[in-house]
Amino acid sequence: MRRCPRCQFRLTEHKIRDIEVDHCHHCAGTFFDPGETEGVLSNFAKPELWLKSSICRPLGETPLESPDFSGNL
């Protein structure tokens, strides 16, 4: 069972275009495994597209662990 790296709530899987994406109903976080963003978002997953827009800004690295983290949660 995967847990949310942000709030430790249990993640549920949702299938989008044959890709299972993890979602937390508690904090509304959605977590992609490596390579899944391109499969779900296509060209919209490209960071350079978003950086050119006025709707986002780079936040840098996050202290959050991957939902696959095998440590004690």
PDB file of N, CA and C in Angstrom:
ATOM      1  N   MET A   1       0.842  -1.174   0.000  1.00  0.00           N
ATOM      2  CA  MET A   1       0.000   0.000   0.000  1.00  0.00           C
ATOM      3  C   MET A   1       0.892   1.245   0.000  1.00  0.00           C
ATOM      4  N   ARG A   2       0.659   2.102  -0.949  1.00  0.00           N
ATOM      5  CA  ARG A   2       1.431   3.337  -1.047  1.00  0.00           C
ATOM      6  C   ARG A   2       0.794   4.416  -0.182  1.00  0.00           C
ATOM      7  N   ARG A   3       1.664   5.259   0.385  1.00  0.00           N
ATOM      8  CA  ARG A   3       1.206   6.371   1.216  1.00  0.00           C
ATOM      9  C   ARG A   3       1.659   7.690   0.600  1.00  0.00           C
ATOM     10  N   CYS A   4       0.875   8.707   0.823  1.00  0.00           N
ATOM     11  CA  CYS A   4       1.186  10.040   0.318  1.00  0.00           C
ATOM     12  C   CYS A   4       2.456  10.562   0.982  1.00  0.00           C
ATOM     13  N   PRO A   5       3.420  11.028   0.196  1.00  0.00           N
ATOM     14  CA  PRO A   5       4.641  11.565   0.792  1.00  0.00           C
ATOM     15  C   PRO A   5       4.412  12.897   1.501  1.00  0.00           C
ATOM     16  N   ARG A   6       3.295  13.546   1.233  1.00  0.00           N
ATOM     17  CA  ARG A   6       3.003  14.838   1.851  1.00  0.00           C
ATOM     18  C   ARG A   6       2.292  14.662   3.197  1.00  0.00           C
ATOM     19  N   CYS A   7       1.233  13.835   3.251  1.00  0.00           N
ATOM     20  CA  CYS A   7       0.420  13.759   4.467  1.00  0.00           C
ATOM     21  C   CYS A   7       0.295  12.343   5.031  1.00  0.00           C
ATOM     22  N   GLN A   8       0.890  11.366   4.372  1.00  0.00           N
ATOM     23  CA  GLN A   8       0.898   9.968   4.811  1.00  0.00           C
ATOM     24  C   GLN A   8      -0.451   9.273   4.679  1.00  0.00           C
ATOM     25  N   PHE A   9      -1.437   9.898   4.054  1.00  0.00           N
ATOM     26  CA  PHE A   9      -2.737   9.282   3.806  1.00  0.00           C
ATOM     27  C   PHE A   9      -2.567   8.206   2.741  1.00  0.00           C
ATOM     28  N   ARG A  10      -3.430   7.206   2.743  1.00  0.00           N
ATOM     29  CA  ARG A  10      -3.341   6.124   1.765  1.00  0.00           C
ATOM     30  C   ARG A  10      -3.672   6.637   0.360  1.00  0.00           C
ATOM     31  N   LEU A  11      -2.833   6.290  -0.601  1.00  0.00           N
ATOM     32  CA  LEU A  11      -3.056   6.685  -1.993  1.00  0.00           C
ATOM     33  C   LEU A  11      -3.984   5.706  -2.687  1.00  0.00           C
ATOM     34  N   THR A  12      -4.783   6.226  -3.609  1.00  0.00           N
ATOM     35  CA  THR A  12      -5.613   5.379  -4.448  1.00  0.00           C
ATOM     36  C   THR A  12      -5.110   5.502  -5.881  1.00  0.00           C
ATOM     37  N   GLU A  13      -5.288   4.440  -6.647  1.00  0.00           N
ATOM     38  CA  GLU A  13      -4.835   4.446  -8.037  1.00  0.00           C
ATOM     39  C   GLU A  13      -6.002   4.787  -8.955  1.00  0.00           C
ATOM     40  N   HIS A  14      -5.723   5.631  -9.928  1.00  0.00           N
ATOM     41  CA  HIS A  14      -6.696   5.991 -10.942  1.00  0.00           C
ATOM     42  C   HIS A  14      -6.082   5.717 -12.296  1.00  0.00           C
ATOM     43  N   LYS A  15      -6.838   5.083 -13.164  1.00  0.00           N
ATOM     44  CA  LYS A  15      -6.331   4.744 -14.491  1.00  0.00           C
ATOM     45  C   LYS A  15      -6.662   5.867 -15.473  1.00  0.00           C
ATOM     46  N   ILE A  16      -5.621   6.408 -16.084  1.00  0.00           N
ATOM     47  CA  ILE A  16      -5.758   7.459 -17.094  1.00  0.00           C
ATOM     48  C   ILE A  16      -4.960   7.017 -18.305  1.00  0.00           C
ATOM     49  N   ARG A  17      -5.642   6.812 -19.430  1.00  0.00           N
ATOM     50  CA  ARG A  17      -4.982   6.363 -20.666  1.00  0.00           C
ATOM     51  C   ARG A  17      -4.103   5.136 -20.418  1.00  0.00           C
ATOM     52  N   ASP A  18      -4.628   4.161 -19.731  1.00  0.00           N
ATOM     53  CA  ASP A  18      -3.931   2.904 -19.431  1.00  0.00           C
ATOM     54  C   ASP A  18      -2.732   3.069 -18.502  1.00  0.00           C
ATOM     55  N   ILE A  19      -2.638   4.199 -17.813  1.00  0.00           N
ATOM     56  CA  ILE A  19      -1.561   4.438 -16.859  1.00  0.00           C
ATOM     57  C   ILE A  19      -2.188   4.634 -15.486  1.00  0.00           C
ATOM     58  N   GLU A  20      -1.674   3.912 -14.492  1.00  0.00           N
ATOM     59  CA  GLU A  20      -2.196   4.034 -13.135  1.00  0.00           C
ATOM     60  C   GLU A  20      -1.456   5.147 -12.399  1.00  0.00           C
ATOM     61  N   VAL A  21      -2.194   6.165 -12.003  1.00  0.00           N
ATOM     62  CA  VAL A  21      -1.651   7.342 -11.331  1.00  0.00           C
ATOM     63  C   VAL A  21      -2.105   7.309  -9.879  1.00  0.00           C
ATOM     64  N   ASP A  22      -1.221   7.652  -8.942  1.00  0.00           N
ATOM     65  CA  ASP A  22      -1.552   7.663  -7.519  1.00  0.00           C
ATOM     66  C   ASP A  22      -2.130   9.014  -7.127  1.00  0.00           C
ATOM     67  N   HIS A  23      -3.228   8.975  -6.365  1.00  0.00           N
ATOM     68  CA  HIS A  23      -3.875  10.211  -5.937  1.00  0.00           C
ATOM     69  C   HIS A  23      -4.212  10.139  -4.454  1.00  0.00           C
ATOM     70  N   CYS A  24      -4.036  11.265  -3.760  1.00  0.00           N
ATOM     71  CA  CYS A  24      -4.368  11.367  -2.343  1.00  0.00           C
ATOM     72  C   CYS A  24      -5.645  12.188  -2.204  1.00  0.00           C
ATOM     73  N   HIS A  25      -6.686  11.583  -1.658  1.00  0.00           N
ATOM     74  CA  HIS A  25      -7.951  12.293  -1.474  1.00  0.00           C
ATOM     75  C   HIS A  25      -7.904  13.231  -0.268  1.00  0.00           C
ATOM     76  N   HIS A  26      -6.893  13.101   0.552  1.00  0.00           N
ATOM     77  CA  HIS A  26      -6.776  13.949   1.732  1.00  0.00           C
ATOM     78  C   HIS A  26      -6.185  15.321   1.391  1.00  0.00           C
ATOM     79  N   CYS A  27      -5.052  15.351   0.693  1.00  0.00           N
ATOM     80  CA  CYS A  27      -4.402  16.633   0.365  1.00  0.00           C
ATOM     81  C   CYS A  27      -4.523  16.982  -1.119  1.00  0.00           C
ATOM     82  N   ALA A  28      -5.159  16.118  -1.899  1.00  0.00           N
ATOM     83  CA  ALA A  28      -5.377  16.322  -3.339  1.00  0.00           C
ATOM     84  C   ALA A  28      -4.094  16.221  -4.160  1.00  0.00           C
ATOM     85  N   GLY A  29      -3.058  15.599  -3.613  1.00  0.00           N
ATOM     86  CA  GLY A  29      -1.827  15.403  -4.363  1.00  0.00           C
ATOM     87  C   GLY A  29      -1.976  14.291  -5.386  1.00  0.00           C
ATOM     88  N   THR A  30      -1.359  14.459  -6.531  1.00  0.00           N
ATOM     89  CA  THR A  30      -1.322  13.433  -7.561  1.00  0.00           C
ATOM     90  C   THR A  30       0.136  13.146  -7.851  1.00  0.00           C
ATOM     91  N   PHE A  31       0.488  11.857  -7.862  1.00  0.00           N
ATOM     92  CA  PHE A  31       1.888  11.464  -7.960  1.00  0.00           C
ATOM     93  C   PHE A  31       2.083  10.517  -9.137  1.00  0.00           C
ATOM     94  N   PHE A  32       3.080  10.856  -9.959  1.00  0.00           N
ATOM     95  CA  PHE A  32       3.400  10.083 -11.147  1.00  0.00           C
ATOM     96  C   PHE A  32       4.707   9.338 -10.931  1.00  0.00           C
ATOM     97  N   ASP A  33       4.762   8.106 -11.398  1.00  0.00           N
ATOM     98  CA  ASP A  33       6.020   7.371 -11.421  1.00  0.00           C
ATOM     99  C   ASP A  33       6.822   7.891 -12.617  1.00  0.00           C
ATOM    100  N   PRO A  34       8.132   7.637 -12.648  1.00  0.00           N
ATOM    101  CA  PRO A  34       8.934   8.099 -13.782  1.00  0.00           C
ATOM    102  C   PRO A  34       8.344   7.639 -15.116  1.00  0.00           C
ATOM    103  N   GLY A  35       8.242   8.574 -16.051  1.00  0.00           N
ATOM    104  CA  GLY A  35       7.738   8.273 -17.381  1.00  0.00           C
ATOM    105  C   GLY A  35       6.232   8.372 -17.529  1.00  0.00           C
ATOM    106  N   GLU A  36       5.493   8.460 -16.430  1.00  0.00           N
ATOM    107  CA  GLU A  36       4.029   8.494 -16.518  1.00  0.00           C
ATOM    108  C   GLU A  36       3.489   9.854 -16.945  1.00  0.00           C
ATOM    109  N   THR A  37       4.184  10.927 -16.614  1.00  0.00           N
ATOM    110  CA  THR A  37       3.656  12.248 -16.972  1.00  0.00           C
ATOM    111  C   THR A  37       3.530  12.407 -18.480  1.00  0.00           C
ATOM    112  N   GLU A  38       4.510  11.930 -19.219  1.00  0.00           N
ATOM    113  CA  GLU A  38       4.446  12.036 -20.676  1.00  0.00           C
ATOM    114  C   GLU A  38       3.286  11.224 -21.237  1.00  0.00           C
ATOM    115  N   GLY A  39       3.018  10.051 -20.653  1.00  0.00           N
ATOM    116  CA  GLY A  39       1.929   9.207 -21.130  1.00  0.00           C
ATOM    117  C   GLY A  39       0.563   9.804 -20.866  1.00  0.00           C
ATOM    118  N   VAL A  40       0.431  10.540 -19.783  1.00  0.00           N
ATOM    119  CA  VAL A  40      -0.860  11.130 -19.425  1.00  0.00           C
ATOM    120  C   VAL A  40      -1.025  12.524 -20.013  1.00  0.00           C
ATOM    121  N   LEU A  41       0.020  13.332 -19.942  1.00  0.00           N
ATOM    122  CA  LEU A  41      -0.088  14.733 -20.340  1.00  0.00           C
ATOM    123  C   LEU A  41       0.473  15.051 -21.723  1.00  0.00           C
ATOM    124  N   SER A  42       1.089  14.094 -22.391  1.00  0.00           N
ATOM    125  CA  SER A  42       1.701  14.291 -23.709  1.00  0.00           C
ATOM    126  C   SER A  42       2.660  15.469 -23.688  1.00  0.00           C
ATOM    127  N   ASN A  43       2.514  16.368 -24.636  1.00  0.00           N
ATOM    128  CA  ASN A  43       3.411  17.526 -24.736  1.00  0.00           C
ATOM    129  C   ASN A  43       3.265  18.493 -23.567  1.00  0.00           C
ATOM    130  N   PHE A  44       2.143  18.432 -22.864  1.00  0.00           N
ATOM    131  CA  PHE A  44       1.931  19.335 -21.737  1.00  0.00           C
ATOM    132  C   PHE A  44       2.831  18.993 -20.552  1.00  0.00           C
ATOM    133  N   ALA A  45       3.511  17.861 -20.600  1.00  0.00           N
ATOM    134  CA  ALA A  45       4.431  17.470 -19.530  1.00  0.00           C
ATOM    135  C   ALA A  45       5.803  18.127 -19.684  1.00  0.00           C
ATOM    136  N   LYS A  46       6.024  18.797 -20.782  1.00  0.00           N
ATOM    137  CA  LYS A  46       7.331  19.399 -21.026  1.00  0.00           C
ATOM    138  C   LYS A  46       7.507  20.665 -20.179  1.00  0.00           C
ATOM    139  N   PRO A  47       8.512  20.690 -19.295  1.00  0.00           N
ATOM    140  CA  PRO A  47       8.713  21.853 -18.419  1.00  0.00           C
ATOM    141  C   PRO A  47       8.909  23.163 -19.163  1.00  0.00           C
ATOM    142  N   GLU A  48       9.577  23.117 -20.302  1.00  0.00           N
ATOM    143  CA  GLU A  48       9.831  24.365 -21.032  1.00  0.00           C
ATOM    144  C   GLU A  48       8.540  25.030 -21.503  1.00  0.00           C
ATOM    145  N   LEU A  49       7.511  24.255 -21.779  1.00  0.00           N
ATOM    146  CA  LEU A  49       6.219  24.810 -22.176  1.00  0.00           C
ATOM    147  C   LEU A  49       5.617  25.607 -21.016  1.00  0.00           C
ATOM    148  N   TRP A  50       5.677  25.077 -19.818  1.00  0.00           N
ATOM    149  CA  TRP A  50       5.089  25.725 -18.648  1.00  0.00           C
ATOM    150  C   TRP A  50       5.924  26.924 -18.193  1.00  0.00           C
ATOM    151  N   LEU A  51       7.241  26.838 -18.298  1.00  0.00           N
ATOM    152  CA  LEU A  51       8.079  27.948 -17.861  1.00  0.00           C
ATOM    153  C   LEU A  51       7.893  29.198 -18.726  1.00  0.00           C
ATOM    154  N   LYS A  52       7.487  28.998 -19.966  1.00  0.00           N
ATOM    155  CA  LYS A  52       7.237  30.134 -20.854  1.00  0.00           C
ATOM    156  C   LYS A  52       5.889  30.794 -20.570  1.00  0.00           C
ATOM    157  N   SER A  53       5.021  30.112 -19.849  1.00  0.00           N
ATOM    158  CA  SER A  53       3.695  30.657 -19.574  1.00  0.00           C
ATOM    159  C   SER A  53       3.736  31.536 -18.326  1.00  0.00           C
ATOM    160  N   SER A  54       2.665  32.237 -18.083  1.00  0.00           N
ATOM    161  CA  SER A  54       2.591  33.087 -16.893  1.00  0.00           C
ATOM    162  C   SER A  54       1.836  32.411 -15.757  1.00  0.00           C
ATOM    163  N   ILE A  55       1.526  31.126 -15.900  1.00  0.00           N
ATOM    164  CA  ILE A  55       0.713  30.461 -14.879  1.00  0.00           C
ATOM    165  C   ILE A  55       1.520  29.611 -13.907  1.00  0.00           C
ATOM    166  N   CYS A  56       2.828  29.573 -14.060  1.00  0.00           N
ATOM    167  CA  CYS A  56       3.624  28.788 -13.112  1.00  0.00           C
ATOM    168  C   CYS A  56       4.996  29.411 -12.942  1.00  0.00           C
ATOM    169  N   ARG A  57       5.667  28.941 -11.918  1.00  0.00           N
ATOM    170  CA  ARG A  57       7.045  29.358 -11.672  1.00  0.00           C
ATOM    171  C   ARG A  57       7.784  28.163 -11.083  1.00  0.00           C
ATOM    172  N   PRO A  58       9.060  28.044 -11.328  1.00  0.00           N
ATOM    173  CA  PRO A  58       9.810  26.912 -10.789  1.00  0.00           C
ATOM    174  C   PRO A  58       9.882  27.001  -9.262  1.00  0.00           C
ATOM    175  N   LEU A  59       9.657  25.887  -8.601  1.00  0.00           N
ATOM    176  CA  LEU A  59       9.698  25.847  -7.141  1.00  0.00           C
ATOM    177  C   LEU A  59      10.966  25.209  -6.615  1.00  0.00           C
ATOM    178  N   GLY A  60      11.756  24.608  -7.494  1.00  0.00           N
ATOM    179  CA  GLY A  60      12.976  23.941  -7.064  1.00  0.00           C
ATOM    180  C   GLY A  60      12.694  22.528  -6.582  1.00  0.00           C
ATOM    181  N   GLU A  61      13.670  21.972  -5.917  1.00  0.00           N
ATOM    182  CA  GLU A  61      13.538  20.601  -5.435  1.00  0.00           C
ATOM    183  C   GLU A  61      12.580  20.543  -4.252  1.00  0.00           C
ATOM    184  N   THR A  62      11.997  19.379  -4.060  1.00  0.00           N
ATOM    185  CA  THR A  62      11.067  19.150  -2.961  1.00  0.00           C
ATOM    186  C   THR A  62      11.671  18.177  -1.955  1.00  0.00           C
ATOM    187  N   PRO A  63      11.342  18.321  -0.692  1.00  0.00           N
ATOM    188  CA  PRO A  63      11.819  17.356   0.299  1.00  0.00           C
ATOM    189  C   PRO A  63      10.972  16.086   0.343  1.00  0.00           C
ATOM    190  N   LEU A  64       9.913  16.032  -0.474  1.00  0.00           N
ATOM    191  CA  LEU A  64       9.023  14.875  -0.455  1.00  0.00           C
ATOM    192  C   LEU A  64       9.699  13.646  -1.039  1.00  0.00           C
ATOM    193  N   GLU A  65       9.459  12.503  -0.436  1.00  0.00           N
ATOM    194  CA  GLU A  65       9.938  11.230  -0.953  1.00  0.00           C
ATOM    195  C   GLU A  65       8.941  10.692  -1.969  1.00  0.00           C
ATOM    196  N   SER A  66       9.389   9.819  -2.823  1.00  0.00           N
ATOM    197  CA  SER A  66       8.521   9.147  -3.772  1.00  0.00           C
ATOM    198  C   SER A  66       7.549   8.249  -3.014  1.00  0.00           C
ATOM    199  N   PRO A  67       6.319   8.044  -3.529  1.00  0.00           N
ATOM    200  CA  PRO A  67       5.414   7.086  -2.897  1.00  0.00           C
ATOM    201  C   PRO A  67       5.990   5.674  -2.855  1.00  0.00           C
ATOM    202  N   ASP A  68       7.005   5.390  -3.669  1.00  0.00           N
ATOM    203  CA  ASP A  68       7.647   4.084  -3.672  1.00  0.00           C
ATOM    204  C   ASP A  68       8.706   3.959  -2.602  1.00  0.00           C
ATOM    205  N   PHE A  69       8.949   5.028  -1.840  1.00  0.00           N
ATOM    206  CA  PHE A  69       9.957   4.999  -0.781  1.00  0.00           C
ATOM    207  C   PHE A  69       9.694   3.830   0.154  1.00  0.00           C
ATOM    208  N   SER A  70      10.718   3.030   0.411  1.00  0.00           N
ATOM    209  CA  SER A  70      10.535   1.783   1.172  1.00  0.00           C
ATOM    210  C   SER A  70      10.811   1.945   2.664  1.00  0.00           C
ATOM    211  N   GLY A  71      11.038   3.169   3.119  1.00  0.00           N
ATOM    212  CA  GLY A  71      11.305   3.389   4.550  1.00  0.00           C
ATOM    213  C   GLY A  71      10.039   3.280   5.377  1.00  0.00           C
ATOM    214  N   ASN A  72      10.135   3.495   6.651  1.00  0.00           N
ATOM    215  CA  ASN A  72       8.972   3.431   7.536  1.00  0.00           C
ATOM    216  C   ASN A  72       8.143   4.691   7.386  1.00  0.00           C
ATOM    217  N   LEU A  73       6.888   4.516   7.045  1.00  0.00           N
ATOM    218  CA  LEU A  73       5.995   5.665   6.885  1.00  0.00           C
ATOM    219  C   LEU A  73       4.975   5.694   7.980  1.00  0.00           C
TER     220      LEU A  73
END
